[in-house]
């Protein structure tokens, strides 16, 4: 399953809105088969803050582990946020093409 983050907006910046986005998507997540990968598409996102990412991405990585992937992006805001989250939580996100 691919999640297009632009569905949540182009400026993903607050902790509260990240938490709300994950909560709104929870019913869809409950229907993902155990063998299916979950990927995140950043296309169309302009600004992506560590607080939003921490509330949305970190719980998904912890929940889905190796099945959770991020689609590669050249967006400097996304890249910086992912690096920050990896450093703060001592974890590693996996990027795919």
N, C-alpha and C. Protein backbone atom coordinates (compact mmCIF):
# COMPACT_ATOMS: atom_id res chain seq x y z
N UNK A 1 0.83 -1.16 0.00
CA UNK A 1 0.00 0.00 0.00
C UNK A 1 0.89 1.24 0.00
N UNK A 2 0.51 2.20 -0.84
CA UNK A 2 1.25 3.45 -0.89
C UNK A 2 0.40 4.57 -0.28
N UNK A 3 1.00 5.32 0.63
CA UNK A 3 0.35 6.47 1.24
C UNK A 3 0.93 7.73 0.61
N UNK A 4 0.10 8.51 -0.06
CA UNK A 4 0.53 9.77 -0.64
C UNK A 4 0.30 10.86 0.40
N UNK A 5 1.39 11.39 0.94
CA UNK A 5 1.27 12.37 2.01
C UNK A 5 0.60 13.67 1.59
N UNK A 6 0.61 13.98 0.29
CA UNK A 6 -0.03 15.22 -0.16
C UNK A 6 -1.53 15.21 0.13
N UNK A 7 -2.09 14.04 0.39
CA UNK A 7 -3.50 13.96 0.77
C UNK A 7 -3.75 14.66 2.11
N UNK A 8 -2.69 14.79 2.91
CA UNK A 8 -2.80 15.45 4.20
C UNK A 8 -2.42 16.93 4.12
N UNK A 9 -1.98 17.38 2.94
CA UNK A 9 -1.59 18.76 2.73
C UNK A 9 -0.18 18.84 2.16
N UNK A 10 0.21 20.05 1.77
CA UNK A 10 1.54 20.24 1.20
C UNK A 10 2.53 20.78 2.23
N UNK A 11 2.01 21.31 3.32
CA UNK A 11 2.85 21.83 4.40
C UNK A 11 2.52 21.04 5.67
N UNK A 12 3.30 20.03 5.92
CA UNK A 12 3.07 19.13 7.06
C UNK A 12 4.00 19.55 8.18
N UNK A 13 3.47 20.35 9.11
CA UNK A 13 4.38 21.00 10.04
C UNK A 13 4.09 20.85 11.53
N UNK A 14 2.91 20.52 11.94
CA UNK A 14 2.68 20.50 13.39
C UNK A 14 2.55 19.09 13.93
N UNK A 15 2.95 18.93 15.16
CA UNK A 15 2.86 17.64 15.84
C UNK A 15 1.40 17.19 15.91
N UNK A 16 0.52 18.12 16.24
CA UNK A 16 -0.91 17.80 16.37
C UNK A 16 -1.50 17.32 15.04
N UNK A 17 -1.17 17.99 13.94
CA UNK A 17 -1.73 17.56 12.65
C UNK A 17 -1.15 16.22 12.21
N UNK A 18 0.10 15.92 12.55
CA UNK A 18 0.67 14.61 12.25
C UNK A 18 -0.03 13.51 13.02
N UNK A 19 -0.33 13.79 14.27
CA UNK A 19 -1.04 12.82 15.11
C UNK A 19 -2.46 12.60 14.57
N UNK A 20 -3.12 13.69 14.16
CA UNK A 20 -4.47 13.58 13.61
C UNK A 20 -4.47 12.82 12.28
N UNK A 21 -3.45 13.04 11.46
CA UNK A 21 -3.36 12.34 10.18
C UNK A 21 -3.23 10.84 10.39
N UNK A 22 -2.39 10.46 11.32
CA UNK A 22 -2.22 9.03 11.61
C UNK A 22 -3.51 8.44 12.16
N UNK A 23 -4.15 9.15 13.03
CA UNK A 23 -5.40 8.68 13.61
C UNK A 23 -6.48 8.51 12.53
N UNK A 24 -6.56 9.47 11.61
CA UNK A 24 -7.54 9.40 10.54
C UNK A 24 -7.28 8.24 9.60
N UNK A 25 -6.02 7.84 9.47
CA UNK A 25 -5.64 6.77 8.56
C UNK A 25 -5.66 5.39 9.22
N UNK A 26 -5.88 5.35 10.51
CA UNK A 26 -5.79 4.10 11.29
C UNK A 26 -6.71 3.00 10.77
N UNK A 27 -7.94 3.33 10.40
CA UNK A 27 -8.86 2.28 9.93
C UNK A 27 -8.35 1.64 8.64
N UNK A 28 -7.71 2.41 7.78
CA UNK A 28 -7.12 1.87 6.56
C UNK A 28 -5.94 0.98 6.89
N UNK A 29 -5.13 1.40 7.84
CA UNK A 29 -3.96 0.62 8.24
C UNK A 29 -4.35 -0.74 8.82
N UNK A 30 -5.48 -0.78 9.48
CA UNK A 30 -5.93 -2.04 10.09
C UNK A 30 -6.28 -3.10 9.05
N UNK A 31 -6.47 -2.68 7.79
CA UNK A 31 -6.85 -3.62 6.73
C UNK A 31 -5.67 -4.07 5.86
N UNK A 32 -4.46 -3.67 6.22
CA UNK A 32 -3.29 -4.07 5.43
C UNK A 32 -2.93 -5.52 5.76
N UNK A 33 -2.84 -6.36 4.74
CA UNK A 33 -2.43 -7.75 4.98
C UNK A 33 -1.03 -7.82 5.60
N UNK A 34 -0.78 -8.86 6.37
CA UNK A 34 0.49 -8.98 7.09
C UNK A 34 1.70 -9.12 6.18
N UNK A 35 1.51 -9.48 4.92
CA UNK A 35 2.64 -9.65 4.01
C UNK A 35 2.81 -8.46 3.06
N UNK A 36 2.00 -7.42 3.20
CA UNK A 36 2.05 -6.27 2.30
C UNK A 36 2.96 -5.18 2.84
N UNK A 37 3.74 -4.57 1.94
CA UNK A 37 4.58 -3.44 2.33
C UNK A 37 3.75 -2.17 2.40
N UNK A 38 4.21 -1.24 3.21
CA UNK A 38 3.60 0.07 3.34
C UNK A 38 4.64 1.08 2.92
N UNK A 39 4.34 1.89 1.90
CA UNK A 39 5.31 2.87 1.42
C UNK A 39 4.73 4.28 1.52
N UNK A 40 5.62 5.23 1.73
CA UNK A 40 5.24 6.64 1.87
C UNK A 40 5.77 7.41 0.67
N UNK A 41 4.87 8.15 0.02
CA UNK A 41 5.22 8.97 -1.14
C UNK A 41 5.18 10.45 -0.73
N UNK A 42 6.32 11.13 -0.88
CA UNK A 42 6.43 12.54 -0.49
C UNK A 42 6.16 13.50 -1.64
N UNK A 43 5.83 12.97 -2.81
CA UNK A 43 5.58 13.81 -3.98
C UNK A 43 4.47 14.81 -3.67
N UNK A 44 4.72 16.08 -3.95
CA UNK A 44 3.73 17.14 -3.72
C UNK A 44 3.85 17.80 -2.36
N UNK A 45 4.66 17.24 -1.47
CA UNK A 45 4.86 17.85 -0.15
C UNK A 45 5.92 18.94 -0.28
N UNK A 46 5.62 20.13 0.22
CA UNK A 46 6.56 21.25 0.13
C UNK A 46 7.40 21.33 1.40
N UNK A 47 6.73 21.33 2.55
CA UNK A 47 7.41 21.44 3.83
C UNK A 47 7.04 20.26 4.70
N UNK A 48 8.06 19.65 5.32
CA UNK A 48 7.85 18.46 6.14
C UNK A 48 8.68 18.61 7.42
N UNK A 49 8.02 18.85 8.53
CA UNK A 49 8.74 19.13 9.77
C UNK A 49 9.00 17.86 10.59
N UNK A 50 10.04 17.89 11.43
CA UNK A 50 10.31 16.75 12.30
C UNK A 50 9.14 16.42 13.23
N UNK A 51 8.42 17.42 13.69
CA UNK A 51 7.32 17.14 14.62
C UNK A 51 6.20 16.36 13.92
N UNK A 52 5.83 16.76 12.70
CA UNK A 52 4.80 16.03 11.95
C UNK A 52 5.30 14.63 11.63
N UNK A 53 6.52 14.55 11.14
CA UNK A 53 7.10 13.26 10.79
C UNK A 53 7.20 12.32 11.98
N UNK A 54 7.52 12.87 13.14
CA UNK A 54 7.65 12.04 14.33
C UNK A 54 6.31 11.43 14.74
N UNK A 55 5.26 12.18 14.57
CA UNK A 55 3.93 11.68 14.94
C UNK A 55 3.36 10.71 13.92
N UNK A 56 3.78 10.82 12.66
CA UNK A 56 3.22 9.97 11.60
C UNK A 56 4.16 8.83 11.23
N UNK A 57 5.40 9.15 10.90
CA UNK A 57 6.32 8.13 10.39
C UNK A 57 6.89 7.21 11.47
N UNK A 58 7.30 7.78 12.60
CA UNK A 58 7.95 6.98 13.63
C UNK A 58 7.05 5.85 14.13
N UNK A 59 5.77 6.12 14.44
CA UNK A 59 4.92 5.00 14.86
C UNK A 59 4.73 3.94 13.77
N UNK A 60 4.69 4.37 12.51
CA UNK A 60 4.54 3.40 11.42
C UNK A 60 5.77 2.53 11.28
N UNK A 61 6.96 3.13 11.41
CA UNK A 61 8.19 2.34 11.33
C UNK A 61 8.23 1.33 12.47
N UNK A 62 7.87 1.76 13.65
CA UNK A 62 7.89 0.85 14.80
C UNK A 62 6.85 -0.27 14.65
N UNK A 63 5.73 0.05 14.04
CA UNK A 63 4.65 -0.93 13.88
C UNK A 63 4.91 -1.92 12.75
N UNK A 64 5.42 -1.43 11.62
CA UNK A 64 5.57 -2.27 10.43
C UNK A 64 7.00 -2.72 10.16
N UNK A 65 7.97 -2.13 10.83
CA UNK A 65 9.36 -2.56 10.70
C UNK A 65 9.86 -2.58 9.28
N UNK A 66 10.38 -3.72 8.84
CA UNK A 66 10.99 -3.85 7.51
C UNK A 66 9.97 -3.73 6.38
N UNK A 67 8.70 -3.84 6.69
CA UNK A 67 7.67 -3.68 5.65
C UNK A 67 7.38 -2.21 5.36
N UNK A 68 7.95 -1.31 6.15
CA UNK A 68 7.71 0.14 6.01
C UNK A 68 8.84 0.77 5.21
N UNK A 69 8.49 1.41 4.09
CA UNK A 69 9.49 2.01 3.19
C UNK A 69 9.10 3.45 2.86
N UNK A 70 10.12 4.24 2.53
CA UNK A 70 9.91 5.61 2.08
C UNK A 70 10.36 5.69 0.63
N UNK A 71 9.53 6.29 -0.22
CA UNK A 71 9.94 6.48 -1.61
C UNK A 71 10.97 7.59 -1.67
N UNK A 72 12.02 7.38 -2.46
CA UNK A 72 13.10 8.37 -2.57
C UNK A 72 12.54 9.72 -3.00
N UNK A 73 13.16 10.76 -2.47
CA UNK A 73 12.76 12.13 -2.76
C UNK A 73 13.99 13.03 -2.79
N UNK A 74 13.90 14.13 -3.51
CA UNK A 74 14.96 15.13 -3.53
C UNK A 74 14.59 16.34 -2.68
N UNK A 75 13.46 16.28 -2.01
CA UNK A 75 12.98 17.40 -1.19
C UNK A 75 13.89 17.57 0.03
N UNK A 76 14.60 18.72 0.12
CA UNK A 76 15.52 18.94 1.24
C UNK A 76 14.84 18.94 2.60
N UNK A 77 13.60 19.40 2.65
CA UNK A 77 12.85 19.42 3.90
C UNK A 77 12.59 18.00 4.40
N UNK A 78 12.22 17.12 3.51
CA UNK A 78 11.96 15.72 3.86
C UNK A 78 13.26 15.04 4.27
N UNK A 79 14.31 15.25 3.50
CA UNK A 79 15.60 14.61 3.79
C UNK A 79 16.12 15.03 5.16
N UNK A 80 16.05 16.32 5.46
CA UNK A 80 16.52 16.82 6.76
C UNK A 80 15.68 16.25 7.90
N UNK A 81 14.39 16.18 7.70
CA UNK A 81 13.51 15.65 8.74
C UNK A 81 13.80 14.18 9.00
N UNK A 82 13.97 13.39 7.95
CA UNK A 82 14.26 11.97 8.13
C UNK A 82 15.58 11.79 8.87
N UNK A 83 16.58 12.56 8.50
CA UNK A 83 17.88 12.49 9.19
C UNK A 83 17.73 12.84 10.66
N UNK A 84 16.95 13.85 10.97
CA UNK A 84 16.72 14.25 12.36
C UNK A 84 16.04 13.13 13.14
N UNK A 85 14.99 12.55 12.57
CA UNK A 85 14.28 11.47 13.25
C UNK A 85 15.17 10.26 13.47
N UNK A 86 16.00 9.93 12.50
CA UNK A 86 16.92 8.80 12.65
C UNK A 86 17.91 9.05 13.78
N UNK A 87 18.40 10.27 13.86
CA UNK A 87 19.38 10.61 14.90
C UNK A 87 18.75 10.63 16.28
N UNK A 88 17.61 11.25 16.40
CA UNK A 88 16.95 11.39 17.71
C UNK A 88 16.51 10.03 18.26
N UNK A 89 15.94 9.19 17.41
CA UNK A 89 15.39 7.91 17.85
C UNK A 89 16.33 6.73 17.64
N UNK A 90 17.50 6.97 17.07
CA UNK A 90 18.47 5.92 16.76
C UNK A 90 17.77 4.78 16.01
N UNK A 91 17.20 5.15 14.87
CA UNK A 91 16.55 4.18 14.00
C UNK A 91 16.89 4.51 12.56
N UNK A 92 16.49 3.66 11.64
CA UNK A 92 16.84 3.84 10.24
C UNK A 92 15.62 3.60 9.37
N UNK A 93 15.29 4.61 8.56
CA UNK A 93 14.23 4.47 7.57
C UNK A 93 14.84 3.91 6.29
N UNK A 94 14.09 3.10 5.59
CA UNK A 94 14.57 2.51 4.34
C UNK A 94 13.91 3.23 3.17
N UNK A 95 14.74 3.73 2.24
CA UNK A 95 14.25 4.38 1.03
C UNK A 95 14.27 3.40 -0.14
N UNK A 96 13.26 3.49 -0.98
CA UNK A 96 13.18 2.68 -2.19
C UNK A 96 12.86 3.59 -3.37
N UNK A 97 13.12 3.10 -4.60
CA UNK A 97 12.81 3.87 -5.81
C UNK A 97 11.33 3.84 -6.10
